[in-house]
N, C-alpha and C. Protein backbone atom coordinates (compact mmCIF):
# COMPACT_ATOMS: atom_id res chain seq x y z
N MET A 1 17.96 -7.34 -3.43
CA MET A 1 18.85 -6.47 -4.23
C MET A 1 18.01 -5.18 -4.75
N THR A 2 18.59 -4.18 -4.53
CA THR A 2 17.89 -2.87 -4.83
C THR A 2 18.49 -2.35 -6.23
N THR A 3 17.68 -1.92 -7.17
CA THR A 3 18.10 -1.50 -8.35
C THR A 3 17.54 -0.02 -8.74
N LYS A 4 18.31 0.73 -9.31
CA LYS A 4 17.71 2.11 -9.67
C LYS A 4 16.69 2.10 -10.74
N LEU A 5 15.79 2.77 -10.84
CA LEU A 5 14.66 2.91 -11.78
C LEU A 5 14.48 4.45 -12.01
N THR A 6 14.30 4.82 -13.23
CA THR A 6 14.14 6.19 -13.71
C THR A 6 12.71 6.19 -14.33
N LEU A 7 11.94 7.07 -13.73
CA LEU A 7 10.49 7.26 -14.17
C LEU A 7 10.20 8.68 -14.64
N SER A 8 9.25 8.76 -15.61
CA SER A 8 8.85 10.14 -16.01
C SER A 8 7.58 10.42 -15.48
N VAL A 9 7.41 11.35 -14.63
CA VAL A 9 6.12 11.76 -13.72
C VAL A 9 6.09 13.24 -13.76
N GLU A 10 4.76 13.65 -13.92
CA GLU A 10 4.56 15.02 -14.01
C GLU A 10 4.97 15.80 -12.65
N GLN A 11 5.63 17.07 -12.72
CA GLN A 11 6.41 17.55 -11.67
C GLN A 11 5.42 17.69 -10.44
N GLU A 12 4.09 18.03 -10.67
CA GLU A 12 3.13 18.32 -9.59
C GLU A 12 2.69 17.03 -8.98
N VAL A 13 2.81 15.93 -9.60
CA VAL A 13 2.68 14.68 -9.03
C VAL A 13 3.62 14.19 -8.10
N ILE A 14 4.81 14.57 -8.53
CA ILE A 14 6.19 14.15 -7.70
C ILE A 14 6.16 15.04 -6.47
N GLU A 15 5.91 16.39 -6.50
CA GLU A 15 5.83 17.29 -5.44
C GLU A 15 4.67 16.74 -4.46
N SER A 16 3.64 16.35 -4.92
CA SER A 16 2.61 16.03 -3.88
C SER A 16 3.06 14.67 -3.34
N ALA A 17 3.67 13.74 -4.09
CA ALA A 17 4.26 12.34 -3.58
C ALA A 17 4.96 12.68 -2.59
N LYS A 18 6.07 13.39 -2.90
CA LYS A 18 7.09 13.84 -1.73
C LYS A 18 6.48 14.35 -0.47
N LYS A 19 5.54 15.18 -0.56
CA LYS A 19 4.89 15.66 0.56
C LYS A 19 4.19 14.48 1.40
N TYR A 20 3.51 13.71 0.55
CA TYR A 20 2.73 12.71 1.39
C TYR A 20 3.76 11.65 2.02
N ALA A 21 4.95 11.33 1.15
CA ALA A 21 5.84 10.32 1.88
C ALA A 21 6.47 10.93 3.03
N HIS A 22 6.74 12.30 3.02
CA HIS A 22 7.28 13.11 4.18
C HIS A 22 6.39 12.93 5.36
N LEU A 23 5.05 13.22 5.25
CA LEU A 23 3.99 13.09 6.16
C LEU A 23 3.86 11.50 6.75
N LYS A 24 4.11 10.57 5.93
CA LYS A 24 4.08 9.32 6.49
C LYS A 24 5.32 8.71 6.99
N GLY A 25 6.35 9.48 6.90
CA GLY A 25 7.66 9.17 7.51
C GLY A 25 8.50 8.04 6.53
N ARG A 26 8.04 8.23 5.38
CA ARG A 26 8.62 7.04 4.35
C ARG A 26 9.23 7.75 3.23
N SER A 27 10.26 7.16 2.53
CA SER A 27 10.78 7.82 1.12
C SER A 27 9.88 7.47 0.14
N LEU A 28 10.05 8.17 -0.85
CA LEU A 28 9.28 8.09 -2.09
C LEU A 28 9.47 6.66 -2.75
N SER A 29 10.70 6.42 -2.59
CA SER A 29 11.22 5.05 -3.14
C SER A 29 10.30 3.98 -2.41
N GLU A 30 10.14 4.18 -1.11
CA GLU A 30 9.55 3.02 -0.34
C GLU A 30 8.03 2.98 -0.80
N LEU A 31 7.39 4.14 -0.98
CA LEU A 31 5.91 4.26 -1.31
C LEU A 31 5.71 3.62 -2.60
N VAL A 32 6.55 3.94 -3.66
CA VAL A 32 6.58 3.32 -5.09
C VAL A 32 6.83 1.84 -4.97
N GLU A 33 7.65 1.42 -4.12
CA GLU A 33 7.99 -0.06 -4.00
C GLU A 33 6.75 -0.73 -3.33
N SER A 34 6.27 -0.16 -2.51
CA SER A 34 5.07 -0.78 -1.78
C SER A 34 3.81 -0.85 -2.80
N TYR A 35 3.54 0.34 -3.50
CA TYR A 35 2.51 0.31 -4.52
C TYR A 35 2.80 -0.68 -5.46
N LEU A 36 3.98 -1.09 -6.10
CA LEU A 36 4.01 -1.94 -7.08
C LEU A 36 4.04 -3.38 -6.45
N LYS A 37 4.43 -3.56 -5.17
CA LYS A 37 4.10 -4.90 -4.65
C LYS A 37 2.69 -5.19 -4.50
N ALA A 38 2.00 -4.21 -4.00
CA ALA A 38 0.57 -4.51 -3.79
C ALA A 38 -0.05 -4.67 -5.05
N LEU A 39 0.23 -3.91 -6.03
CA LEU A 39 -0.44 -4.10 -7.42
C LEU A 39 -0.25 -5.44 -7.95
N THR A 40 1.07 -5.84 -7.81
CA THR A 40 1.39 -7.10 -8.66
C THR A 40 0.77 -8.26 -7.73
N SER A 41 0.81 -8.12 -6.47
CA SER A 41 0.30 -9.24 -5.63
C SER A 41 -1.26 -9.44 -5.80
N GLN A 42 -1.80 -8.37 -6.16
CA GLN A 42 -3.23 -8.53 -6.21
C GLN A 42 -3.61 -9.12 -7.50
N GLN A 43 -2.71 -8.99 -8.43
CA GLN A 43 -2.97 -9.52 -9.79
C GLN A 43 -2.83 -10.98 -9.65
N LEU A 44 -1.81 -11.39 -8.79
CA LEU A 44 -1.37 -12.86 -8.55
C LEU A 44 -2.48 -13.60 -7.80
N MET A 45 -2.77 -12.87 -6.72
CA MET A 45 -4.03 -13.27 -5.87
C MET A 45 -5.27 -13.61 -6.68
N LYS A 46 -5.62 -12.80 -7.48
CA LYS A 46 -6.92 -12.74 -8.25
C LYS A 46 -6.97 -14.19 -9.08
N LYS A 47 -5.83 -14.59 -9.54
CA LYS A 47 -5.69 -15.70 -10.37
C LYS A 47 -6.04 -17.05 -9.45
N ASN A 48 -5.79 -16.95 -8.12
CA ASN A 48 -6.06 -18.21 -7.34
C ASN A 48 -7.18 -18.16 -6.58
N PHE A 49 -8.11 -17.01 -6.65
CA PHE A 49 -9.29 -17.11 -5.93
C PHE A 49 -10.46 -17.91 -6.68
N SER A 50 -11.33 -18.35 -5.75
CA SER A 50 -12.31 -18.91 -6.62
C SER A 50 -13.31 -17.91 -7.12
N PRO A 51 -14.26 -18.18 -7.99
CA PRO A 51 -15.20 -17.18 -8.58
C PRO A 51 -15.86 -16.33 -7.58
N ARG A 52 -16.41 -17.14 -6.43
CA ARG A 52 -17.12 -16.46 -5.55
C ARG A 52 -16.20 -15.28 -4.76
N THR A 53 -15.02 -15.60 -4.43
CA THR A 53 -14.16 -14.64 -3.78
C THR A 53 -13.68 -13.69 -4.65
N LYS A 54 -13.48 -13.98 -5.93
CA LYS A 54 -13.14 -12.95 -6.93
C LYS A 54 -14.30 -11.87 -7.12
N ARG A 55 -15.45 -12.19 -7.04
CA ARG A 55 -16.47 -11.11 -6.88
C ARG A 55 -16.34 -10.26 -5.85
N LEU A 56 -15.82 -10.80 -4.67
CA LEU A 56 -15.68 -9.79 -3.31
C LEU A 56 -14.56 -8.83 -3.47
N VAL A 57 -13.65 -9.26 -4.27
CA VAL A 57 -12.37 -8.41 -4.37
C VAL A 57 -12.83 -7.05 -4.74
N GLY A 58 -12.28 -5.87 -3.84
CA GLY A 58 -12.58 -4.61 -4.29
C GLY A 58 -13.84 -4.04 -3.87
N SER A 59 -14.71 -4.91 -3.11
CA SER A 59 -15.70 -4.43 -2.51
C SER A 59 -15.77 -3.50 -1.33
N VAL A 60 -14.57 -3.60 -0.71
CA VAL A 60 -14.28 -2.89 0.46
C VAL A 60 -13.30 -1.84 -0.02
N LYS A 61 -13.54 -0.53 0.26
CA LYS A 61 -12.53 0.59 -0.25
C LYS A 61 -12.01 1.11 1.13
N LEU A 62 -10.59 1.16 1.17
CA LEU A 62 -9.85 1.46 2.53
C LEU A 62 -9.37 2.89 2.07
N GLU A 63 -9.22 3.83 3.07
CA GLU A 63 -8.68 5.14 2.76
C GLU A 63 -7.28 5.04 2.43
N GLN A 64 -6.87 5.94 1.65
CA GLN A 64 -5.55 5.95 1.14
C GLN A 64 -4.57 6.14 2.13
N GLY A 65 -3.54 5.31 2.13
CA GLY A 65 -2.36 5.23 3.25
C GLY A 65 -2.91 4.29 4.37
N TYR A 66 -3.90 3.56 4.30
CA TYR A 66 -4.42 2.65 5.31
C TYR A 66 -3.23 1.56 5.61
N ASP A 67 -2.84 1.54 6.94
CA ASP A 67 -1.71 0.74 7.42
C ASP A 67 -2.44 -0.39 8.30
N TYR A 68 -2.71 -1.62 7.70
CA TYR A 68 -3.25 -2.71 8.46
C TYR A 68 -2.46 -3.21 9.70
N LYS A 69 -1.12 -3.14 9.29
CA LYS A 69 -0.23 -3.62 10.45
C LYS A 69 -0.24 -2.79 11.61
N GLN A 70 -0.35 -1.39 11.35
CA GLN A 70 -0.47 -0.50 12.48
C GLN A 70 -1.86 -0.72 13.21
N MET A 71 -2.90 -0.84 12.40
CA MET A 71 -4.23 -1.02 13.06
C MET A 71 -4.34 -2.36 13.87
N LEU A 72 -3.49 -3.40 13.38
CA LEU A 72 -3.54 -4.66 13.91
C LEU A 72 -2.77 -4.69 15.25
N GLU A 73 -1.59 -3.67 15.36
CA GLU A 73 -0.95 -3.53 16.51
C GLU A 73 -1.63 -2.94 17.44
N GLU A 74 -2.41 -1.80 17.17
CA GLU A 74 -3.02 -1.06 18.09
C GLU A 74 -4.36 -1.87 18.63
N GLU A 75 -4.96 -2.68 17.85
CA GLU A 75 -5.95 -3.57 18.41
C GLU A 75 -5.42 -4.55 19.40
N ILE A 76 -4.27 -5.19 19.18
CA ILE A 76 -3.67 -6.13 19.95
C ILE A 76 -3.35 -5.37 21.23
N ASN A 77 -2.83 -4.34 21.13
CA ASN A 77 -2.29 -3.60 22.36
C ASN A 77 -3.67 -3.20 23.15
N ARG A 78 -4.56 -2.78 22.67
CA ARG A 78 -5.79 -2.26 23.21
C ARG A 78 -6.44 -3.64 23.90
N LYS A 79 -6.54 -4.68 23.16
CA LYS A 79 -7.00 -6.08 23.73
C LYS A 79 -6.19 -6.56 25.07
N HIS A 80 -5.12 -6.19 25.15
CA HIS A 80 -4.03 -6.70 26.20
C HIS A 80 -3.87 -5.38 27.04
N GLY A 81 -4.60 -4.48 26.93
CA GLY A 81 -4.36 -3.39 27.90
C GLY A 81 -3.10 -2.75 27.78
N LEU A 82 -2.44 -2.60 26.78
CA LEU A 82 -1.02 -1.98 26.75
C LEU A 82 -1.02 -0.56 26.23
């Protein structure tokens, strides 16, 4: 179920975010939803990790907009010569 949400954000941030969303071929709503899901799932996952694993969380920094699904698809295609 989709629910409307109103946010107060600086105009410059909104403009930059809209440009970014356009470049990625996604809507601003999709980007915000994706970010919120990632943010909340990270918090939930941290609670279930062992202390050793928790120390590793955040040790690898990915570039902004990194799409692991796309990378995975490309690697599978490369592996199978597609």
